[in-house]
PDB file of N, CA and C in Angstrom:
ATOM      1  N   MET A   1      20.563 188.250 -16.016  1.00  0.00           N
ATOM      2  CA  MET A   1      20.173 189.472 -15.332  1.00  0.00           C
ATOM      3  C   MET A   1      21.378 190.385 -15.124  1.00  0.00           C
ATOM      4  N   ALA A   2      22.515 189.800 -14.824  1.00  0.00           N
ATOM      5  CA  ALA A   2      23.715 190.607 -14.596  1.00  0.00           C
ATOM      6  C   ALA A   2      24.115 191.349 -15.871  1.00  0.00           C
ATOM      7  N   ARG A   3      23.928 190.696 -17.018  1.00  0.00           N
ATOM      8  CA  ARG A   3      24.286 191.334 -18.286  1.00  0.00           C
ATOM      9  C   ARG A   3      23.402 192.552 -18.542  1.00  0.00           C
ATOM     10  N   LEU A   4      22.111 192.416 -18.267  1.00  0.00           N
ATOM     11  CA  LEU A   4      21.196 193.524 -18.465  1.00  0.00           C
ATOM     12  C   LEU A   4      21.535 194.673 -17.520  1.00  0.00           C
ATOM     13  N   HIS A   5      21.868 194.335 -16.281  1.00  0.00           N
ATOM     14  CA  HIS A   5      22.256 195.358 -15.315  1.00  0.00           C
ATOM     15  C   HIS A   5      23.519 196.087 -15.789  1.00  0.00           C
ATOM     16  N   ALA A   6      24.475 195.354 -16.322  1.00  0.00           N
ATOM     17  CA  ALA A   6      25.698 195.959 -16.843  1.00  0.00           C
ATOM     18  C   ALA A   6      25.387 196.892 -18.004  1.00  0.00           C
ATOM     19  N   CYS A   7      24.426 196.515 -18.834  1.00  0.00           N
ATOM     20  CA  CYS A   7      24.020 197.364 -19.961  1.00  0.00           C
ATOM     21  C   CYS A   7      23.459 198.687 -19.462  1.00  0.00           C
ATOM     22  N   TYR A   8      22.598 198.590 -18.463  1.00  0.00           N
ATOM     23  CA  TYR A   8      22.025 199.819 -17.909  1.00  0.00           C
ATOM     24  C   TYR A   8      23.085 200.687 -17.261  1.00  0.00           C
ATOM     25  N   ASP A   9      23.989 200.082 -16.516  1.00  0.00           N
ATOM     26  CA  ASP A   9      25.077 200.846 -15.892  1.00  0.00           C
ATOM     27  C   ASP A   9      25.907 201.566 -16.943  1.00  0.00           C
ATOM     28  N   TRP A  10      26.192 200.874 -18.027  1.00  0.00           N
ATOM     29  CA  TRP A  10      26.994 201.438 -19.097  1.00  0.00           C
ATOM     30  C   TRP A  10      26.287 202.638 -19.728  1.00  0.00           C
ATOM     31  N   ALA A  11      24.993 202.499 -19.934  1.00  0.00           N
ATOM     32  CA  ALA A  11      24.226 203.578 -20.550  1.00  0.00           C
ATOM     33  C   ALA A  11      24.081 204.770 -19.620  1.00  0.00           C
ATOM     34  N   VAL A  12      23.791 204.513 -18.362  1.00  0.00           N
ATOM     35  CA  VAL A  12      23.553 205.604 -17.408  1.00  0.00           C
ATOM     36  C   VAL A  12      24.840 206.341 -17.077  1.00  0.00           C
ATOM     37  N   ALA A  13      25.962 205.655 -17.077  1.00  0.00           N
ATOM     38  CA  ALA A  13      27.236 206.298 -16.763  1.00  0.00           C
ATOM     39  C   ALA A  13      27.540 207.416 -17.758  1.00  0.00           C
ATOM     40  N   GLY A  14      27.144 207.253 -18.996  1.00  0.00           N
ATOM     41  CA  GLY A  14      27.383 208.272 -20.007  1.00  0.00           C
ATOM     42  C   GLY A  14      26.295 209.313 -20.100  1.00  0.00           C
ATOM     43  N   LEU A  15      25.257 209.167 -19.298  1.00  0.00           N
ATOM     44  CA  LEU A  15      24.102 210.059 -19.396  1.00  0.00           C
ATOM     45  C   LEU A  15      24.458 211.514 -19.125  1.00  0.00           C
ATOM     46  N   ALA A  16      25.325 211.756 -18.173  1.00  0.00           N
ATOM     47  CA  ALA A  16      25.637 213.130 -17.778  1.00  0.00           C
ATOM     48  C   ALA A  16      26.247 213.940 -18.915  1.00  0.00           C
ATOM     49  N   ARG A  17      26.908 213.289 -19.826  1.00  0.00           N
ATOM     50  CA  ARG A  17      27.549 214.018 -20.924  1.00  0.00           C
ATOM     51  C   ARG A  17      26.941 213.683 -22.279  1.00  0.00           C
ATOM     52  N   SER A  18      25.735 213.189 -22.266  1.00  0.00           N
ATOM     53  CA  SER A  18      25.128 212.700 -23.497  1.00  0.00           C
ATOM     54  C   SER A  18      24.268 213.757 -24.192  1.00  0.00           C
ATOM     55  N   PRO A  19      23.985 213.542 -25.454  1.00  0.00           N
ATOM     56  CA  PRO A  19      23.055 214.411 -26.174  1.00  0.00           C
ATOM     57  C   PRO A  19      21.658 214.393 -25.569  1.00  0.00           C
ATOM     58  N   LEU A  20      21.323 213.328 -24.841  1.00  0.00           N
ATOM     59  CA  LEU A  20      20.015 213.247 -24.184  1.00  0.00           C
ATOM     60  C   LEU A  20      19.830 214.404 -23.202  1.00  0.00           C
ATOM     61  N   VAL A  21      20.881 214.715 -22.456  1.00  0.00           N
ATOM     62  CA  VAL A  21      20.823 215.836 -21.513  1.00  0.00           C
ATOM     63  C   VAL A  21      20.696 217.151 -22.282  1.00  0.00           C
ATOM     64  N   GLU A  22      21.438 217.261 -23.366  1.00  0.00           N
ATOM     65  CA  GLU A  22      21.363 218.467 -24.193  1.00  0.00           C
ATOM     66  C   GLU A  22      19.943 218.671 -24.727  1.00  0.00           C
ATOM     67  N   ALA A  23      19.305 217.592 -25.147  1.00  0.00           N
ATOM     68  CA  ALA A  23      17.937 217.688 -25.662  1.00  0.00           C
ATOM     69  C   ALA A  23      16.964 218.045 -24.540  1.00  0.00           C
ATOM     70  N   ALA A  24      17.206 217.518 -23.361  1.00  0.00           N
ATOM     71  CA  ALA A  24      16.322 217.812 -22.226  1.00  0.00           C
ATOM     72  C   ALA A  24      16.350 219.297 -21.875  1.00  0.00           C
ATOM     73  N   PHE A  25      17.499 219.912 -22.031  1.00  0.00           N
ATOM     74  CA  PHE A  25      17.621 221.340 -21.745  1.00  0.00           C
ATOM     75  C   PHE A  25      17.445 222.199 -22.991  1.00  0.00           C
ATOM     76  N   GLU A  26      16.922 221.577 -24.053  1.00  0.00           N
ATOM     77  CA  GLU A  26      16.584 222.256 -25.305  1.00  0.00           C
ATOM     78  C   GLU A  26      17.775 222.943 -25.961  1.00  0.00           C
ATOM     79  N   ARG A  27      18.951 222.358 -25.791  1.00  0.00           N
ATOM     80  CA  ARG A  27      20.143 222.864 -26.472  1.00  0.00           C
ATOM     81  C   ARG A  27      20.419 222.057 -27.737  1.00  0.00           C
ATOM     82  N   LEU A  28      19.594 221.022 -27.957  1.00  0.00           N
ATOM     83  CA  LEU A  28      19.747 220.150 -29.109  1.00  0.00           C
ATOM     84  C   LEU A  28      18.360 219.685 -29.534  1.00  0.00           C
ATOM     85  N   ALA A  29      18.121 219.675 -30.823  1.00  0.00           N
ATOM     86  CA  ALA A  29      16.822 219.202 -31.318  1.00  0.00           C
ATOM     87  C   ALA A  29      16.723 217.688 -31.149  1.00  0.00           C
ATOM     88  N   VAL A  30      15.553 217.209 -30.798  1.00  0.00           N
ATOM     89  CA  VAL A  30      15.333 215.775 -30.637  1.00  0.00           C
ATOM     90  C   VAL A  30      15.165 215.150 -32.021  1.00  0.00           C
ATOM     91  N   PRO A  31      15.983 214.141 -32.353  1.00  0.00           N
ATOM     92  CA  PRO A  31      15.871 213.502 -33.670  1.00  0.00           C
ATOM     93  C   PRO A  31      14.639 212.601 -33.754  1.00  0.00           C
ATOM     94  N   ALA A  32      14.352 212.124 -34.955  1.00  0.00           N
ATOM     95  CA  ALA A  32      13.191 211.256 -35.172  1.00  0.00           C
ATOM     96  C   ALA A  32      13.299 209.968 -34.357  1.00  0.00           C
ATOM     97  N   ASP A  33      14.506 209.433 -34.212  1.00  0.00           N
ATOM     98  CA  ASP A  33      14.725 208.237 -33.389  1.00  0.00           C
ATOM     99  C   ASP A  33      15.435 208.671 -32.114  1.00  0.00           C
ATOM    100  N   PRO A  34      14.704 208.887 -31.021  1.00  0.00           N
ATOM    101  CA  PRO A  34      15.323 209.378 -29.790  1.00  0.00           C
ATOM    102  C   PRO A  34      16.343 208.416 -29.185  1.00  0.00           C
ATOM    103  N   ASP A  35      16.329 207.146 -29.586  1.00  0.00           N
ATOM    104  CA  ASP A  35      17.334 206.206 -29.091  1.00  0.00           C
ATOM    105  C   ASP A  35      18.739 206.635 -29.471  1.00  0.00           C
ATOM    106  N   THR A  36      18.876 207.363 -30.561  1.00  0.00           N
ATOM    107  CA  THR A  36      20.200 207.803 -30.991  1.00  0.00           C
ATOM    108  C   THR A  36      20.808 208.829 -30.044  1.00  0.00           C
ATOM    109  N   LEU A  37      20.024 209.355 -29.126  1.00  0.00           N
ATOM    110  CA  LEU A  37      20.552 210.295 -28.141  1.00  0.00           C
ATOM    111  C   LEU A  37      21.345 209.587 -27.041  1.00  0.00           C
ATOM    112  N   ILE A  38      21.197 208.282 -26.917  1.00  0.00           N
ATOM    113  CA  ILE A  38      21.918 207.513 -25.912  1.00  0.00           C
ATOM    114  C   ILE A  38      23.298 207.182 -26.459  1.00  0.00           C
ATOM    115  N   LEU A  39      24.335 207.486 -25.684  1.00  0.00           N
ATOM    116  CA  LEU A  39      25.688 207.167 -26.117  1.00  0.00           C
ATOM    117  C   LEU A  39      25.816 205.673 -26.364  1.00  0.00           C
ATOM    118  N   HIS A  40      26.453 205.299 -27.434  1.00  0.00           N
ATOM    119  CA  HIS A  40      26.709 203.903 -27.792  1.00  0.00           C
ATOM    120  C   HIS A  40      25.417 203.092 -27.887  1.00  0.00           C
ATOM    121  N   HIS A  41      24.368 203.728 -28.393  1.00  0.00           N
ATOM    122  CA  HIS A  41      23.073 203.048 -28.422  1.00  0.00           C
ATOM    123  C   HIS A  41      23.095 201.760 -29.249  1.00  0.00           C
ATOM    124  N   GLY A  42      23.894 201.723 -30.275  1.00  0.00           N
ATOM    125  CA  GLY A  42      23.970 200.517 -31.090  1.00  0.00           C
ATOM    126  C   GLY A  42      24.539 199.336 -30.309  1.00  0.00           C
ATOM    127  N   GLY A  43      25.615 199.581 -29.572  1.00  0.00           N
ATOM    128  CA  GLY A  43      26.210 198.528 -28.753  1.00  0.00           C
ATOM    129  C   GLY A  43      25.299 198.107 -27.618  1.00  0.00           C
ATOM    130  N   LEU A  44      24.645 199.069 -27.006  1.00  0.00           N
ATOM    131  CA  LEU A  44      23.715 198.765 -25.927  1.00  0.00           C
ATOM    132  C   LEU A  44      22.551 197.925 -26.432  1.00  0.00           C
ATOM    133  N   ARG A  45      22.005 198.299 -27.581  1.00  0.00           N
ATOM    134  CA  ARG A  45      20.906 197.533 -28.172  1.00  0.00           C
ATOM    135  C   ARG A  45      21.355 196.101 -28.466  1.00  0.00           C
ATOM    136  N   ALA A  46      22.565 195.949 -29.005  1.00  0.00           N
ATOM    137  CA  ALA A  46      23.077 194.607 -29.309  1.00  0.00           C
ATOM    138  C   ALA A  46      23.256 193.788 -28.033  1.00  0.00           C
ATOM    139  N   MET A  47      23.710 194.419 -26.943  1.00  0.00           N
ATOM    140  CA  MET A  47      23.852 193.700 -25.671  1.00  0.00           C
ATOM    141  C   MET A  47      22.514 193.192 -25.167  1.00  0.00           C
ATOM    142  N   VAL A  48      21.508 194.052 -25.197  1.00  0.00           N
ATOM    143  CA  VAL A  48      20.200 193.671 -24.713  1.00  0.00           C
ATOM    144  C   VAL A  48      19.604 192.549 -25.566  1.00  0.00           C
ATOM    145  N   GLN A  49      19.875 192.592 -26.855  1.00  0.00           N
ATOM    146  CA  GLN A  49      19.347 191.556 -27.759  1.00  0.00           C
ATOM    147  C   GLN A  49      20.194 190.292 -27.742  1.00  0.00           C
ATOM    148  N   GLY A  50      21.335 190.341 -27.051  1.00  0.00           N
ATOM    149  CA  GLY A  50      22.179 189.156 -26.937  1.00  0.00           C
ATOM    150  C   GLY A  50      23.094 188.900 -28.118  1.00  0.00           C
ATOM    151  N   SER A  51      23.275 189.899 -28.984  1.00  0.00           N
ATOM    152  CA  SER A  51      24.113 189.685 -30.154  1.00  0.00           C
ATOM    153  C   SER A  51      25.430 190.468 -30.095  1.00  0.00           C
ATOM    154  N   TYR A  52      25.771 190.978 -28.917  1.00  0.00           N
ATOM    155  CA  TYR A  52      27.000 191.758 -28.752  1.00  0.00           C
ATOM    156  C   TYR A  52      28.147 190.840 -28.350  1.00  0.00           C
ATOM    157  N   GLY A  53      29.278 191.039 -28.954  1.00  0.00           N
ATOM    158  CA  GLY A  53      30.452 190.250 -28.579  1.00  0.00           C
ATOM    159  C   GLY A  53      30.450 188.857 -29.192  1.00  0.00           C
ATOM    160  N   GLY A  54      31.168 187.985 -28.548  1.00  0.00           N
ATOM    161  CA  GLY A  54      31.350 186.654 -29.108  1.00  0.00           C
ATOM    162  C   GLY A  54      30.552 185.655 -28.427  1.00  0.00           C
TER     163      GLY A  54
END
């Protein structure tokens, strides 16, 4: 549970300067895969799936 919480903290901390905010204010087009708007989405996805790190 702590690992998942850390993942969310990591993702939300970058939210203020992310493309997600830009898309919300219509300054950026939303891509076909909206997950790509999250900073470091690949690393975050790997953490949640348990395949990040060693």
